[in-house]
N, C-alpha and C. Protein backbone atom coordinates (compact mmCIF):
# COMPACT_ATOMS: atom_id res chain seq x y z
N MET A 1 -8.49 -28.62 -0.76
CA MET A 1 -7.82 -27.69 0.12
C MET A 1 -6.62 -27.05 -0.58
N ASN A 2 -5.91 -27.82 -1.38
CA ASN A 2 -4.75 -27.29 -2.09
C ASN A 2 -5.17 -26.19 -3.05
N ASN A 3 -6.32 -26.38 -3.72
CA ASN A 3 -6.83 -25.36 -4.63
C ASN A 3 -7.16 -24.08 -3.87
N SER A 4 -7.69 -24.20 -2.66
CA SER A 4 -8.01 -23.05 -1.84
C SER A 4 -6.75 -22.29 -1.45
N LEU A 5 -5.70 -23.00 -1.10
CA LEU A 5 -4.44 -22.36 -0.75
C LEU A 5 -3.84 -21.65 -1.96
N GLU A 6 -3.92 -22.27 -3.11
CA GLU A 6 -3.41 -21.65 -4.33
C GLU A 6 -4.19 -20.39 -4.66
N HIS A 7 -5.50 -20.43 -4.46
CA HIS A 7 -6.34 -19.27 -4.72
C HIS A 7 -5.98 -18.13 -3.77
N LEU A 8 -5.80 -18.44 -2.49
CA LEU A 8 -5.43 -17.43 -1.50
C LEU A 8 -4.06 -16.84 -1.82
N ARG A 9 -3.13 -17.69 -2.19
CA ARG A 9 -1.78 -17.23 -2.54
C ARG A 9 -1.82 -16.31 -3.77
N ALA A 10 -2.61 -16.67 -4.76
CA ALA A 10 -2.74 -15.86 -5.97
C ALA A 10 -3.38 -14.51 -5.65
N LYS A 11 -4.37 -14.51 -4.77
CA LYS A 11 -5.02 -13.27 -4.36
C LYS A 11 -4.03 -12.36 -3.64
N LYS A 12 -3.25 -12.91 -2.73
CA LYS A 12 -2.26 -12.11 -2.01
C LYS A 12 -1.20 -11.56 -2.95
N MET A 13 -0.80 -12.35 -3.93
CA MET A 13 0.19 -11.90 -4.90
C MET A 13 -0.37 -10.75 -5.73
N ARG A 14 -1.63 -10.87 -6.14
CA ARG A 14 -2.28 -9.82 -6.93
C ARG A 14 -2.37 -8.52 -6.13
N VAL A 15 -2.74 -8.62 -4.86
CA VAL A 15 -2.82 -7.43 -4.01
C VAL A 15 -1.44 -6.82 -3.82
N GLY A 16 -0.43 -7.66 -3.66
CA GLY A 16 0.94 -7.17 -3.51
C GLY A 16 1.39 -6.39 -4.74
N TRP A 17 1.07 -6.91 -5.92
CA TRP A 17 1.43 -6.20 -7.15
C TRP A 17 0.67 -4.88 -7.26
N LEU A 18 -0.60 -4.89 -6.89
CA LEU A 18 -1.40 -3.66 -6.94
C LEU A 18 -0.84 -2.59 -6.00
N VAL A 19 -0.44 -3.01 -4.80
CA VAL A 19 0.14 -2.07 -3.85
C VAL A 19 1.46 -1.54 -4.39
N GLY A 20 2.27 -2.40 -4.96
CA GLY A 20 3.54 -1.96 -5.56
C GLY A 20 3.33 -0.96 -6.68
N VAL A 21 2.36 -1.22 -7.54
CA VAL A 21 2.05 -0.29 -8.63
C VAL A 21 1.53 1.03 -8.07
N ALA A 22 0.67 0.96 -7.06
CA ALA A 22 0.14 2.18 -6.45
C ALA A 22 1.27 3.02 -5.85
N LEU A 23 2.23 2.37 -5.19
CA LEU A 23 3.36 3.10 -4.63
C LEU A 23 4.23 3.71 -5.73
N ALA A 24 4.41 2.99 -6.81
CA ALA A 24 5.19 3.52 -7.93
C ALA A 24 4.50 4.73 -8.56
N VAL A 25 3.20 4.64 -8.76
CA VAL A 25 2.45 5.77 -9.32
C VAL A 25 2.51 6.96 -8.36
N ALA A 26 2.35 6.71 -7.07
CA ALA A 26 2.43 7.80 -6.09
C ALA A 26 3.82 8.44 -6.11
N THR A 27 4.86 7.66 -6.33
CA THR A 27 6.20 8.21 -6.41
C THR A 27 6.37 9.10 -7.63
N VAL A 28 5.80 8.68 -8.76
CA VAL A 28 5.85 9.51 -9.97
C VAL A 28 5.09 10.81 -9.74
N VAL A 29 3.92 10.72 -9.12
CA VAL A 29 3.14 11.93 -8.80
C VAL A 29 3.94 12.83 -7.86
N GLU A 30 4.57 12.23 -6.88
CA GLU A 30 5.38 12.98 -5.91
C GLU A 30 6.51 13.75 -6.63
N TYR A 31 7.18 13.09 -7.54
CA TYR A 31 8.25 13.73 -8.30
C TYR A 31 7.70 14.88 -9.14
N TYR A 32 6.60 14.63 -9.84
CA TYR A 32 5.99 15.65 -10.68
C TYR A 32 5.60 16.88 -9.85
N VAL A 33 4.99 16.66 -8.69
CA VAL A 33 4.60 17.76 -7.82
C VAL A 33 5.83 18.53 -7.35
N ALA A 34 6.88 17.82 -6.98
CA ALA A 34 8.09 18.46 -6.46
C ALA A 34 8.76 19.35 -7.51
N VAL A 35 8.78 18.92 -8.76
CA VAL A 35 9.49 19.70 -9.78
C VAL A 35 8.61 20.74 -10.47
N SER A 36 7.30 20.64 -10.35
CA SER A 36 6.44 21.55 -11.09
C SER A 36 5.80 22.66 -10.26
N LEU A 37 5.69 22.47 -8.97
CA LEU A 37 5.04 23.49 -8.15
C LEU A 37 6.07 24.37 -7.43
N ALA A 38 5.73 25.63 -7.27
CA ALA A 38 6.61 26.56 -6.56
C ALA A 38 6.59 26.28 -5.06
N ARG A 39 5.44 25.90 -4.55
CA ARG A 39 5.29 25.60 -3.12
C ARG A 39 4.69 24.19 -2.96
N PRO A 40 5.52 23.18 -3.05
CA PRO A 40 5.01 21.80 -3.09
C PRO A 40 4.79 21.15 -1.72
N LEU A 41 4.96 21.89 -0.63
CA LEU A 41 4.96 21.26 0.69
C LEU A 41 3.65 20.52 1.01
N VAL A 42 2.52 21.17 0.86
CA VAL A 42 1.24 20.53 1.23
C VAL A 42 0.92 19.36 0.29
N PRO A 43 1.02 19.52 -1.04
CA PRO A 43 0.75 18.36 -1.90
C PRO A 43 1.71 17.20 -1.65
N LEU A 44 2.98 17.51 -1.39
CA LEU A 44 3.94 16.44 -1.09
C LEU A 44 3.60 15.73 0.20
N ALA A 45 3.13 16.49 1.18
CA ALA A 45 2.73 15.87 2.45
C ALA A 45 1.53 14.94 2.25
N ILE A 46 0.60 15.34 1.40
CA ILE A 46 -0.57 14.50 1.13
C ILE A 46 -0.15 13.20 0.44
N VAL A 47 0.71 13.31 -0.57
CA VAL A 47 1.18 12.11 -1.27
C VAL A 47 1.97 11.22 -0.31
N ALA A 48 2.79 11.82 0.55
CA ALA A 48 3.56 11.04 1.52
C ALA A 48 2.65 10.30 2.49
N LEU A 49 1.58 10.93 2.92
CA LEU A 49 0.63 10.27 3.82
C LEU A 49 -0.08 9.10 3.13
N ILE A 50 -0.41 9.27 1.87
CA ILE A 50 -1.04 8.18 1.11
C ILE A 50 -0.07 7.00 0.99
N LYS A 51 1.18 7.30 0.65
CA LYS A 51 2.18 6.23 0.53
C LYS A 51 2.40 5.55 1.88
N ALA A 52 2.46 6.33 2.95
CA ALA A 52 2.65 5.76 4.29
C ALA A 52 1.48 4.86 4.65
N TRP A 53 0.26 5.25 4.28
CA TRP A 53 -0.90 4.43 4.57
C TRP A 53 -0.80 3.08 3.87
N PHE A 54 -0.42 3.08 2.59
CA PHE A 54 -0.24 1.81 1.87
C PHE A 54 0.80 0.92 2.56
N ILE A 55 1.90 1.51 2.95
CA ILE A 55 2.97 0.74 3.58
C ILE A 55 2.53 0.17 4.92
N VAL A 56 1.89 0.99 5.73
CA VAL A 56 1.45 0.53 7.05
C VAL A 56 0.40 -0.56 6.94
N VAL A 57 -0.57 -0.36 6.08
CA VAL A 57 -1.66 -1.34 5.96
C VAL A 57 -1.19 -2.64 5.32
N TYR A 58 -0.44 -2.55 4.24
CA TYR A 58 -0.09 -3.78 3.53
C TYR A 58 1.17 -4.45 4.06
N PHE A 59 2.26 -3.71 4.19
CA PHE A 59 3.52 -4.33 4.55
C PHE A 59 3.69 -4.53 6.06
N MET A 60 3.08 -3.65 6.86
CA MET A 60 3.23 -3.77 8.31
C MET A 60 2.06 -4.51 8.95
N HIS A 61 1.05 -4.84 8.17
CA HIS A 61 -0.10 -5.64 8.63
C HIS A 61 -0.75 -5.05 9.88
N ILE A 62 -0.97 -3.76 9.89
CA ILE A 62 -1.52 -3.06 11.06
C ILE A 62 -2.91 -3.57 11.42
N LYS A 63 -3.64 -4.09 10.43
CA LYS A 63 -5.00 -4.60 10.67
C LYS A 63 -4.99 -5.75 11.68
N GLN A 64 -3.90 -6.49 11.74
CA GLN A 64 -3.82 -7.64 12.64
C GLN A 64 -3.82 -7.23 14.11
N LEU A 65 -3.52 -5.98 14.41
CA LEU A 65 -3.55 -5.53 15.79
C LEU A 65 -4.96 -5.53 16.36
N TRP A 66 -5.96 -5.39 15.49
CA TRP A 66 -7.33 -5.30 15.94
C TRP A 66 -8.16 -6.55 15.63
N THR A 67 -7.53 -7.60 15.16
CA THR A 67 -8.26 -8.84 14.93
C THR A 67 -7.84 -9.86 15.96
N SER A 68 -8.70 -10.81 16.23
CA SER A 68 -8.38 -11.83 17.22
C SER A 68 -7.37 -12.82 16.63
N GLU A 69 -6.59 -13.41 17.48
CA GLU A 69 -5.61 -14.38 17.03
C GLU A 69 -6.27 -15.69 16.61
N GLU A 70 -7.50 -15.91 17.03
CA GLU A 70 -8.20 -17.13 16.69
C GLU A 70 -8.62 -17.14 15.24
N GLY A 71 -8.71 -15.95 14.61
CA GLY A 71 -9.13 -15.85 13.23
C GLY A 71 -8.12 -16.47 12.27
N GLY A 72 -6.83 -16.37 12.62
CA GLY A 72 -5.81 -17.00 11.81
C GLY A 72 -5.41 -16.21 10.57
N HIS A 73 -6.02 -15.06 10.30
CA HIS A 73 -5.67 -14.28 9.11
C HIS A 73 -4.90 -13.08 9.50
């Protein structure tokens, strides 16, 4: 059981790092779009929505609203 917990913890840590890297890359893209385009509103809105989706899904655990409490995850 301890090995299973360690595996789950490692998986969550890996996903956390991936989300962090994805947010960092999206921020770099956001900066590049803002400084390089004459009319950056629509592309910036798209990048902002992508970043918001990552934050809501991973950090706010929105998926848990639609799962049963008996599942435990």
